[in-house]
């Protein structure tokens, strides 16, 4: 006579377990929220980096050529500096852009 109650309790336990631990359960929802926050943070950092690079590129365009930027790029490409310049070589892991000398 207790079989319907046991069957109902097992059914409720089954659905409660999958509501928490299933592929679309509560814990999966929490993990997706955390992953979305990380992706949003990464996207913001990439957008900021892109804006910075676009600004540097715009300074090298023909319409608006910044002499300081031109001199910086020429010195970097030609490996040439003035006698009064002080050059400090940093290892690649300490550089902001991670580029090689």
PDB file of N, CA and C in Angstrom:
ATOM      1  N   UNK A   1       0.791  -1.188   0.000  1.00  0.00           N
ATOM      2  CA  UNK A   1       0.000   0.000   0.000  1.00  0.00           C
ATOM      3  C   UNK A   1       0.847   1.272   0.000  1.00  0.00           C
ATOM      4  N   UNK A   2       2.071   1.181   0.366  1.00  0.00           N
ATOM      5  CA  UNK A   2       2.943   2.348   0.407  1.00  0.00           C
ATOM      6  C   UNK A   2       3.657   2.552  -0.920  1.00  0.00           C
ATOM      7  N   UNK A   3       3.404   1.689  -1.895  1.00  0.00           N
ATOM      8  CA  UNK A   3       4.089   1.764  -3.182  1.00  0.00           C
ATOM      9  C   UNK A   3       3.832   3.082  -3.912  1.00  0.00           C
ATOM     10  N   UNK A   4       2.644   3.641  -3.948  1.00  0.00           N
ATOM     11  CA  UNK A   4       2.456   4.922  -4.634  1.00  0.00           C
ATOM     12  C   UNK A   4       3.242   6.058  -3.976  1.00  0.00           C
ATOM     13  N   UNK A   5       3.316   6.061  -2.636  1.00  0.00           N
ATOM     14  CA  UNK A   5       4.070   7.108  -1.952  1.00  0.00           C
ATOM     15  C   UNK A   5       5.566   6.963  -2.222  1.00  0.00           C
ATOM     16  N   UNK A   6       6.061   5.750  -2.244  1.00  0.00           N
ATOM     17  CA  UNK A   6       7.482   5.506  -2.523  1.00  0.00           C
ATOM     18  C   UNK A   6       7.791   5.888  -3.969  1.00  0.00           C
ATOM     19  N   UNK A   7       6.918   5.518  -4.875  1.00  0.00           N
ATOM     20  CA  UNK A   7       7.108   5.879  -6.273  1.00  0.00           C
ATOM     21  C   UNK A   7       7.081   7.400  -6.457  1.00  0.00           C
ATOM     22  N   UNK A   8       6.179   8.101  -5.791  1.00  0.00           N
ATOM     23  CA  UNK A   8       6.108   9.563  -5.874  1.00  0.00           C
ATOM     24  C   UNK A   8       7.359  10.197  -5.276  1.00  0.00           C
ATOM     25  N   UNK A   9       7.838   9.672  -4.153  1.00  0.00           N
ATOM     26  CA  UNK A   9       9.046  10.213  -3.522  1.00  0.00           C
ATOM     27  C   UNK A   9      10.259   9.996  -4.417  1.00  0.00           C
ATOM     28  N   UNK A  10      10.350   8.834  -5.048  1.00  0.00           N
ATOM     29  CA  UNK A  10      11.470   8.567  -5.961  1.00  0.00           C
ATOM     30  C   UNK A  10      11.412   9.493  -7.169  1.00  0.00           C
ATOM     31  N   UNK A  11      10.215   9.740  -7.684  1.00  0.00           N
ATOM     32  CA  UNK A  11      10.053  10.637  -8.836  1.00  0.00           C
ATOM     33  C   UNK A  11      10.469  12.051  -8.463  1.00  0.00           C
ATOM     34  N   UNK A  12      10.043  12.522  -7.294  1.00  0.00           N
ATOM     35  CA  UNK A  12      10.411  13.857  -6.833  1.00  0.00           C
ATOM     36  C   UNK A  12      11.924  13.936  -6.623  1.00  0.00           C
ATOM     37  N   UNK A  13      12.523  12.928  -6.038  1.00  0.00           N
ATOM     38  CA  UNK A  13      13.971  12.910  -5.812  1.00  0.00           C
ATOM     39  C   UNK A  13      14.723  12.916  -7.138  1.00  0.00           C
ATOM     40  N   UNK A  14      14.239  12.164  -8.104  1.00  0.00           N
ATOM     41  CA  UNK A  14      14.879  12.114  -9.419  1.00  0.00           C
ATOM     42  C   UNK A  14      14.891  13.500 -10.068  1.00  0.00           C
ATOM     43  N   UNK A  15      13.735  14.148 -10.104  1.00  0.00           N
ATOM     44  CA  UNK A  15      13.659  15.460 -10.740  1.00  0.00           C
ATOM     45  C   UNK A  15      14.409  16.523  -9.942  1.00  0.00           C
ATOM     46  N   UNK A  16      14.385  16.426  -8.618  1.00  0.00           N
ATOM     47  CA  UNK A  16      15.136  17.385  -7.787  1.00  0.00           C
ATOM     48  C   UNK A  16      16.641  17.239  -8.024  1.00  0.00           C
ATOM     49  N   UNK A  17      17.119  16.017  -8.113  1.00  0.00           N
ATOM     50  CA  UNK A  17      18.544  15.791  -8.371  1.00  0.00           C
ATOM     51  C   UNK A  17      18.955  16.399  -9.706  1.00  0.00           C
ATOM     52  N   UNK A  18      18.171  16.139 -10.746  1.00  0.00           N
ATOM     53  CA  UNK A  18      18.521  16.651 -12.075  1.00  0.00           C
ATOM     54  C   UNK A  18      18.295  18.158 -12.190  1.00  0.00           C
ATOM     55  N   UNK A  19      17.423  18.704 -11.357  1.00  0.00           N
ATOM     56  CA  UNK A  19      17.253  20.159 -11.348  1.00  0.00           C
ATOM     57  C   UNK A  19      18.497  20.846 -10.784  1.00  0.00           C
ATOM     58  N   UNK A  20      19.215  20.159  -9.926  1.00  0.00           N
ATOM     59  CA  UNK A  20      20.437  20.724  -9.357  1.00  0.00           C
ATOM     60  C   UNK A  20      21.680  20.343 -10.156  1.00  0.00           C
ATOM     61  N   UNK A  21      21.818  19.066 -10.468  1.00  0.00           N
ATOM     62  CA  UNK A  21      23.060  18.550 -11.037  1.00  0.00           C
ATOM     63  C   UNK A  21      23.009  18.250 -12.526  1.00  0.00           C
ATOM     64  N   UNK A  22      21.909  18.430 -13.175  1.00  0.00           N
ATOM     65  CA  UNK A  22      21.788  18.073 -14.592  1.00  0.00           C
ATOM     66  C   UNK A  22      22.537  19.032 -15.505  1.00  0.00           C
ATOM     67  N   UNK A  23      22.536  18.722 -16.807  1.00  0.00           N
ATOM     68  CA  UNK A  23      23.219  19.559 -17.798  1.00  0.00           C
ATOM     69  C   UNK A  23      22.645  20.970 -17.835  1.00  0.00           C
ATOM     70  N   UNK A  24      21.383  21.113 -17.539  1.00  0.00           N
ATOM     71  CA  UNK A  24      20.742  22.423 -17.515  1.00  0.00           C
ATOM     72  C   UNK A  24      20.252  22.768 -16.117  1.00  0.00           C
ATOM     73  N   UNK A  25      20.899  22.208 -15.118  1.00  0.00           N
ATOM     74  CA  UNK A  25      20.498  22.411 -13.742  1.00  0.00           C
ATOM     75  C   UNK A  25      21.047  23.697 -13.138  1.00  0.00           C
ATOM     76  N   UNK A  26      20.805  23.831 -11.840  1.00  0.00           N
ATOM     77  CA  UNK A  26      21.184  25.038 -11.115  1.00  0.00           C
ATOM     78  C   UNK A  26      22.698  25.235 -11.110  1.00  0.00           C
ATOM     79  N   UNK A  27      23.461  24.199 -10.855  1.00  0.00           N
ATOM     80  CA  UNK A  27      24.926  24.329 -10.805  1.00  0.00           C
ATOM     81  C   UNK A  27      25.507  24.648 -12.189  1.00  0.00           C
ATOM     82  N   UNK A  28      24.938  24.110 -13.229  1.00  0.00           N
ATOM     83  CA  UNK A  28      25.377  24.432 -14.587  1.00  0.00           C
ATOM     84  C   UNK A  28      25.072  25.891 -14.895  1.00  0.00           C
ATOM     85  N   UNK A  29      23.948  26.394 -14.409  1.00  0.00           N
ATOM     86  CA  UNK A  29      23.595  27.800 -14.613  1.00  0.00           C
ATOM     87  C   UNK A  29      24.598  28.723 -13.906  1.00  0.00           C
ATOM     88  N   UNK A  30      24.985  28.368 -12.698  1.00  0.00           N
ATOM     89  CA  UNK A  30      25.988  29.159 -11.961  1.00  0.00           C
ATOM     90  C   UNK A  30      27.319  29.155 -12.716  1.00  0.00           C
ATOM     91  N   UNK A  31      27.733  28.008 -13.217  1.00  0.00           N
ATOM     92  CA  UNK A  31      28.989  27.925 -13.964  1.00  0.00           C
ATOM     93  C   UNK A  31      28.925  28.767 -15.239  1.00  0.00           C
ATOM     94  N   UNK A  32      27.790  28.770 -15.925  1.00  0.00           N
ATOM     95  CA  UNK A  32      27.638  29.584 -17.125  1.00  0.00           C
ATOM     96  C   UNK A  32      27.706  31.076 -16.804  1.00  0.00           C
ATOM     97  N   UNK A  33      27.140  31.476 -15.661  1.00  0.00           N
ATOM     98  CA  UNK A  33      27.218  32.874 -15.262  1.00  0.00           C
ATOM     99  C   UNK A  33      28.667  33.281 -14.997  1.00  0.00           C
ATOM    100  N   UNK A  34      29.436  32.412 -14.347  1.00  0.00           N
ATOM    101  CA  UNK A  34      30.845  32.707 -14.074  1.00  0.00           C
ATOM    102  C   UNK A  34      31.645  32.768 -15.370  1.00  0.00           C
ATOM    103  N   UNK A  35      31.383  31.849 -16.271  1.00  0.00           N
ATOM    104  CA  UNK A  35      32.082  31.842 -17.554  1.00  0.00           C
ATOM    105  C   UNK A  35      31.740  33.087 -18.368  1.00  0.00           C
ATOM    106  N   UNK A  36      30.487  33.511 -18.315  1.00  0.00           N
ATOM    107  CA  UNK A  36      30.085  34.722 -19.031  1.00  0.00           C
ATOM    108  C   UNK A  36      30.802  35.946 -18.465  1.00  0.00           C
ATOM    109  N   UNK A  37      30.956  36.019 -17.152  1.00  0.00           N
ATOM    110  CA  UNK A  37      31.662  37.146 -16.538  1.00  0.00           C
ATOM    111  C   UNK A  37      33.121  37.172 -16.978  1.00  0.00           C
ATOM    112  N   UNK A  38      33.757  36.011 -17.057  1.00  0.00           N
ATOM    113  CA  UNK A  38      35.153  35.938 -17.508  1.00  0.00           C
ATOM    114  C   UNK A  38      35.267  36.352 -18.969  1.00  0.00           C
ATOM    115  N   UNK A  39      34.360  35.890 -19.799  1.00  0.00           N
ATOM    116  CA  UNK A  39      34.403  36.232 -21.224  1.00  0.00           C
ATOM    117  C   UNK A  39      34.155  37.727 -21.410  1.00  0.00           C
ATOM    118  N   UNK A  40      33.237  38.293 -20.656  1.00  0.00           N
ATOM    119  CA  UNK A  40      32.969  39.727 -20.743  1.00  0.00           C
ATOM    120  C   UNK A  40      34.195  40.534 -20.338  1.00  0.00           C
ATOM    121  N   UNK A  41      34.872  40.097 -19.291  1.00  0.00           N
ATOM    122  CA  UNK A  41      36.081  40.785 -18.835  1.00  0.00           C
ATOM    123  C   UNK A  41      37.185  40.685 -19.894  1.00  0.00           C
ATOM    124  N   UNK A  42      37.347  39.523 -20.496  1.00  0.00           N
ATOM    125  CA  UNK A  42      38.351  39.342 -21.543  1.00  0.00           C
ATOM    126  C   UNK A  42      38.011  40.191 -22.761  1.00  0.00           C
ATOM    127  N   UNK A  43      36.743  40.245 -23.126  1.00  0.00           N
ATOM    128  CA  UNK A  43      36.329  41.057 -24.276  1.00  0.00           C
ATOM    129  C   UNK A  43      36.593  42.537 -24.022  1.00  0.00           C
ATOM    130  N   UNK A  44      36.381  42.998 -22.801  1.00  0.00           N
ATOM    131  CA  UNK A  44      36.653  44.396 -22.479  1.00  0.00           C
ATOM    132  C   UNK A  44      38.140  44.691 -22.574  1.00  0.00           C
ATOM    133  N   UNK A  45      38.983  43.763 -22.110  1.00  0.00           N
ATOM    134  CA  UNK A  45      40.434  43.958 -22.191  1.00  0.00           C
ATOM    135  C   UNK A  45      40.898  43.969 -23.641  1.00  0.00           C
ATOM    136  N   UNK A  46      40.337  43.095 -24.467  1.00  0.00           N
ATOM    137  CA  UNK A  46      40.713  43.056 -25.885  1.00  0.00           C
ATOM    138  C   UNK A  46      40.261  44.333 -26.590  1.00  0.00           C
ATOM    139  N   UNK A  47      39.070  44.818 -26.267  1.00  0.00           N
ATOM    140  CA  UNK A  47      38.577  46.058 -26.874  1.00  0.00           C
ATOM    141  C   UNK A  47      39.445  47.242 -26.477  1.00  0.00           C
ATOM    142  N   UNK A  48      39.874  47.271 -25.231  1.00  0.00           N
ATOM    143  CA  UNK A  48      40.758  48.346 -24.769  1.00  0.00           C
ATOM    144  C   UNK A  48      42.102  48.287 -25.488  1.00  0.00           C
ATOM    145  N   UNK A  49      42.638  47.092 -25.631  1.00  0.00           N
ATOM    146  CA  UNK A  49      43.913  46.915 -26.326  1.00  0.00           C
ATOM    147  C   UNK A  49      43.782  47.318 -27.797  1.00  0.00           C
ATOM    148  N   UNK A  50      42.679  46.944 -28.402  1.00  0.00           N
ATOM    149  CA  UNK A  50      42.450  47.307 -29.807  1.00  0.00           C
ATOM    150  C   UNK A  50      42.346  48.818 -29.975  1.00  0.00           C
ATOM    151  N   UNK A  51      41.642  49.479 -29.055  1.00  0.00           N
ATOM    152  CA  UNK A  51      41.513  50.937 -29.130  1.00  0.00           C
ATOM    153  C   UNK A  51      42.875  51.605 -28.992  1.00  0.00           C
ATOM    154  N   UNK A  52      43.708  51.082 -28.101  1.00  0.00           N
ATOM    155  CA  UNK A  52      45.048  51.637 -27.922  1.00  0.00           C
ATOM    156  C   UNK A  52      45.873  51.465 -29.189  1.00  0.00           C
ATOM    157  N   UNK A  53      45.802  50.284 -29.790  1.00  0.00           N
ATOM    158  CA  UNK A  53      46.558  50.041 -31.018  1.00  0.00           C
ATOM    159  C   UNK A  53      46.030  50.883 -32.179  1.00  0.00           C
ATOM    160  N   UNK A  54      44.711  51.034 -32.283  1.00  0.00           N
ATOM    161  CA  UNK A  54      44.149  51.867 -33.342  1.00  0.00           C
ATOM    162  C   UNK A  54      44.582  53.318 -33.191  1.00  0.00           C
ATOM    163  N   UNK A  55      44.688  53.778 -31.950  1.00  0.00           N
ATOM    164  CA  UNK A  55      45.152  55.144 -31.727  1.00  0.00           C
ATOM    165  C   UNK A  55      46.605  55.304 -32.171  1.00  0.00           C
ATOM    166  N   UNK A  56      47.439  54.322 -31.839  1.00  0.00           N
ATOM    167  CA  UNK A  56      48.847  54.394 -32.260  1.00  0.00           C
ATOM    168  C   UNK A  56      48.970  54.343 -33.784  1.00  0.00           C
ATOM    169  N   UNK A  57      48.155  53.541 -34.424  1.00  0.00           N
ATOM    170  CA  UNK A  57      48.183  53.467 -35.888  1.00  0.00           C
ATOM    171  C   UNK A  57      47.699  54.780 -36.495  1.00  0.00           C
ATOM    172  N   UNK A  58      46.688  55.384 -35.895  1.00  0.00           N
ATOM    173  CA  UNK A  58      46.182  56.650 -36.434  1.00  0.00           C
ATOM    174  C   UNK A  58      47.233  57.749 -36.357  1.00  0.00           C
ATOM    175  N   UNK A  59      48.142  57.665 -35.396  1.00  0.00           N
ATOM    176  CA  UNK A  59      49.212  58.655 -35.294  1.00  0.00           C
ATOM    177  C   UNK A  59      50.245  58.496 -36.408  1.00  0.00           C
ATOM    178  N   UNK A  60      50.264  57.345 -37.067  1.00  0.00           N
ATOM    179  CA  UNK A  60      51.216  57.109 -38.152  1.00  0.00           C
ATOM    180  C   UNK A  60      50.594  57.306 -39.534  1.00  0.00           C
ATOM    181  N   UNK A  61      49.320  57.675 -39.603  1.00  0.00           N
ATOM    182  CA  UNK A  61      48.677  57.891 -40.894  1.00  0.00           C
ATOM    183  C   UNK A  61      49.184  59.173 -41.548  1.00  0.00           C
ATOM    184  N   UNK A  62      49.115  59.220 -42.850  1.00  0.00           N
ATOM    185  CA  UNK A  62      49.630  60.330 -43.628  1.00  0.00           C
ATOM    186  C   UNK A  62      48.926  61.650 -43.290  1.00  0.00           C
ATOM    187  N   UNK A  63      47.619  61.592 -43.034  1.00  0.00           N
ATOM    188  CA  UNK A  63      46.866  62.806 -42.755  1.00  0.00           C
ATOM    189  C   UNK A  63      47.301  63.460 -41.446  1.00  0.00           C
ATOM    190  N   UNK A  64      47.702  62.664 -40.471  1.00  0.00           N
ATOM    191  CA  UNK A  64      48.067  63.187 -39.160  1.00  0.00           C
ATOM    192  C   UNK A  64      49.296  62.418 -38.674  1.00  0.00           C
ATOM    193  N   UNK A  65      50.454  62.838 -39.093  1.00  0.00           N
ATOM    194  CA  UNK A  65      51.688  62.143 -38.757  1.00  0.00           C
ATOM    195  C   UNK A  65      52.312  62.786 -37.536  1.00  0.00           C
ATOM    196  N   UNK A  66      52.438  62.030 -36.481  1.00  0.00           N
ATOM    197  CA  UNK A  66      53.045  62.531 -35.249  1.00  0.00           C
ATOM    198  C   UNK A  66      54.558  62.323 -35.336  1.00  0.00           C
ATOM    199  N   UNK A  67      55.352  63.381 -35.266  1.00  0.00           N
ATOM    200  CA  UNK A  67      56.804  63.236 -35.400  1.00  0.00           C
ATOM    201  C   UNK A  67      57.425  62.362 -34.317  1.00  0.00           C
ATOM    202  N   UNK A  68      56.911  62.428 -33.098  1.00  0.00           N
ATOM    203  CA  UNK A  68      57.460  61.597 -32.027  1.00  0.00           C
ATOM    204  C   UNK A  68      57.217  60.112 -32.301  1.00  0.00           C
ATOM    205  N   UNK A  69      56.017  59.797 -32.783  1.00  0.00           N
ATOM    206  CA  UNK A  69      55.704  58.400 -33.093  1.00  0.00           C
ATOM    207  C   UNK A  69      56.554  57.910 -34.263  1.00  0.00           C
ATOM    208  N   UNK A  70      56.740  58.763 -35.257  1.00  0.00           N
ATOM    209  CA  UNK A  70      57.569  58.398 -36.405  1.00  0.00           C
ATOM    210  C   UNK A  70      59.010  58.143 -35.966  1.00  0.00           C
ATOM    211  N   UNK A  71      59.526  59.005 -35.094  1.00  0.00           N
ATOM    212  CA  UNK A  71      60.891  58.829 -34.605  1.00  0.00           C
ATOM    213  C   UNK A  71      61.017  57.545 -33.782  1.00  0.00           C
ATOM    214  N   UNK A  72      60.027  57.275 -32.954  1.00  0.00           N
ATOM    215  CA  UNK A  72      60.050  56.057 -32.140  1.00  0.00           C
ATOM    216  C   UNK A  72      60.081  54.808 -33.012  1.00  0.00           C
ATOM    217  N   UNK A  73      59.209  54.763 -34.027  1.00  0.00           N
ATOM    218  CA  UNK A  73      59.165  53.589 -34.905  1.00  0.00           C
ATOM    219  C   UNK A  73      60.438  53.459 -35.728  1.00  0.00           C
ATOM    220  N   UNK A  74      60.996  54.602 -36.196  1.00  0.00           N
ATOM    221  CA  UNK A  74      62.238  54.555 -36.980  1.00  0.00           C
ATOM    222  C   UNK A  74      63.383  54.037 -36.125  1.00  0.00           C
ATOM    223  N   UNK A  75      63.474  54.480 -34.888  1.00  0.00           N
ATOM    224  CA  UNK A  75      64.535  53.996 -34.009  1.00  0.00           C
ATOM    225  C   UNK A  75      64.367  52.514 -33.712  1.00  0.00           C
ATOM    226  N   UNK A  76      63.145  52.071 -33.534  1.00  0.00           N
ATOM    227  CA  UNK A  76      62.909  50.657 -33.248  1.00  0.00           C
ATOM    228  C   UNK A  76      63.237  49.785 -34.454  1.00  0.00           C
ATOM    229  N   UNK A  77      62.840  50.235 -35.649  1.00  0.00           N
ATOM    230  CA  UNK A  77      63.077  49.425 -36.847  1.00  0.00           C
ATOM    231  C   UNK A  77      64.532  49.442 -37.292  1.00  0.00           C
ATOM    232  N   UNK A  78      65.184  50.597 -37.167  1.00  0.00           N
ATOM    233  CA  UNK A  78      66.565  50.721 -37.631  1.00  0.00           C
ATOM    234  C   UNK A  78      67.591  50.399 -36.546  1.00  0.00           C
ATOM    235  N   UNK A  79      67.098  50.206 -35.314  1.00  0.00           N
ATOM    236  CA  UNK A  79      67.979  49.937 -34.179  1.00  0.00           C
ATOM    237  C   UNK A  79      69.023  51.057 -34.064  1.00  0.00           C
ATOM    238  N   UNK A  80      68.542  52.293 -34.089  1.00  0.00           N
ATOM    239  CA  UNK A  80      69.406  53.459 -34.097  1.00  0.00           C
ATOM    240  C   UNK A  80      68.893  54.454 -33.063  1.00  0.00           C
ATOM    241  N   UNK A  81      69.796  55.093 -32.354  1.00  0.00           N
ATOM    242  CA  UNK A  81      69.421  56.112 -31.387  1.00  0.00           C
ATOM    243  C   UNK A  81      70.450  57.224 -31.379  1.00  0.00           C
ATOM    244  N   UNK A  82      70.096  58.354 -30.802  1.00  0.00           N
ATOM    245  CA  UNK A  82      71.011  59.486 -30.705  1.00  0.00           C
ATOM    246  C   UNK A  82      72.054  59.209 -29.624  1.00  0.00           C
ATOM    247  N   UNK A  83      73.162  59.940 -29.676  1.00  0.00           N
ATOM    248  CA  UNK A  83      74.242  59.740 -28.705  1.00  0.00           C
ATOM    249  C   UNK A  83      73.792  60.099 -27.296  1.00  0.00           C
ATOM    250  N   UNK A  84      72.842  61.005 -27.167  1.00  0.00           N
ATOM    251  CA  UNK A  84      72.380  61.420 -25.840  1.00  0.00           C
ATOM    252  C   UNK A  84      71.253  60.539 -25.296  1.00  0.00           C
ATOM    253  N   UNK A  85      70.778  59.582 -26.077  1.00  0.00           N
ATOM    254  CA  UNK A  85      69.707  58.695 -25.625  1.00  0.00           C
ATOM    255  C   UNK A  85      70.244  57.666 -24.645  1.00  0.00           C
ATOM    256  N   UNK A  86      69.437  57.373 -23.646  1.00  0.00           N
ATOM    257  CA  UNK A  86      69.745  56.300 -22.697  1.00  0.00           C
ATOM    258  C   UNK A  86      68.799  55.156 -23.010  1.00  0.00           C
ATOM    259  N   UNK A  87      69.347  54.022 -23.376  1.00  0.00           N
ATOM    260  CA  UNK A  87      68.532  52.884 -23.790  1.00  0.00           C
ATOM    261  C   UNK A  87      68.578  51.831 -22.698  1.00  0.00           C
ATOM    262  N   UNK A  88      67.417  51.386 -22.284  1.00  0.00           N
ATOM    263  CA  UNK A  88      67.303  50.350 -21.269  1.00  0.00           C
ATOM    264  C   UNK A  88      66.652  49.148 -21.933  1.00  0.00           C
ATOM    265  N   UNK A  89      67.359  48.041 -21.984  1.00  0.00           N
ATOM    266  CA  UNK A  89      66.828  46.831 -22.588  1.00  0.00           C
ATOM    267  C   UNK A  89      66.105  46.029 -21.519  1.00  0.00           C
ATOM    268  N   UNK A  90      64.877  45.654 -21.824  1.00  0.00           N
ATOM    269  CA  UNK A  90      64.064  44.855 -20.917  1.00  0.00           C
ATOM    270  C   UNK A  90      63.886  43.466 -21.492  1.00  0.00           C
ATOM    271  N   UNK A  91      63.791  42.500 -20.601  1.00  0.00           N
ATOM    272  CA  UNK A  91      63.505  41.152 -21.075  1.00  0.00           C
ATOM    273  C   UNK A  91      62.052  41.120 -21.582  1.00  0.00           C
ATOM    274  N   UNK A  92      61.734  40.220 -22.508  1.00  0.00           N
ATOM    275  CA  UNK A  92      60.381  40.209 -23.106  1.00  0.00           C
ATOM    276  C   UNK A  92      59.253  40.069 -22.092  1.00  0.00           C
ATOM    277  N   UNK A  93      59.488  39.384 -20.975  1.00  0.00           N
ATOM    278  CA  UNK A  93      58.403  39.221 -20.011  1.00  0.00           C
ATOM    279  C   UNK A  93      58.123  40.502 -19.218  1.00  0.00           C
ATOM    280  N   UNK A  94      59.029  41.475 -19.224  1.00  0.00           N
ATOM    281  CA  UNK A  94      58.811  42.740 -18.536  1.00  0.00           C
ATOM    282  C   UNK A  94      58.233  43.826 -19.440  1.00  0.00           C
ATOM    283  N   UNK A  95      58.218  43.581 -20.731  1.00  0.00           N
ATOM    284  CA  UNK A  95      57.701  44.579 -21.669  1.00  0.00           C
ATOM    285  C   UNK A  95      56.188  44.577 -21.684  1.00  0.00           C
ATOM    286  N   UNK A  96      55.626  45.732 -21.964  1.00  0.00           N
ATOM    287  CA  UNK A  96      54.158  45.839 -22.021  1.00  0.00           C
ATOM    288  C   UNK A  96      53.600  45.109 -23.228  1.00  0.00           C
ATOM    289  N   UNK A  97      54.267  45.238 -24.376  1.00  0.00           N
ATOM    290  CA  UNK A  97      53.740  44.640 -25.603  1.00  0.00           C
ATOM    291  C   UNK A  97      54.285  43.239 -25.870  1.00  0.00           C
ATOM    292  N   UNK A  98      55.313  42.812 -25.118  1.00  0.00           N
ATOM    293  CA  UNK A  98      55.860  41.467 -25.280  1.00  0.00           C
ATOM    294  C   UNK A  98      56.680  41.267 -26.541  1.00  0.00           C
ATOM    295  N   UNK A  99      57.059  42.366 -27.221  1.00  0.00           N
ATOM    296  CA  UNK A  99      57.797  42.238 -28.486  1.00  0.00           C
ATOM    297  C   UNK A  99      59.276  42.006 -28.237  1.00  0.00           C
ATOM    298  N   UNK A 100      59.934  41.503 -29.227  1.00  0.00           N
ATOM    299  CA  UNK A 100      61.376  41.291 -29.194  1.00  0.00           C
ATOM    300  C   UNK A 100      62.083  42.595 -29.565  1.00  0.00           C
ATOM    301  N   UNK A 101      63.345  42.794 -29.145  1.00  0.00           N
ATOM    302  CA  UNK A 101      64.056  44.026 -29.501  1.00  0.00           C
ATOM    303  C   UNK A 101      64.331  44.155 -30.964  1.00  0.00           C
TER     304      UNK A 101
END
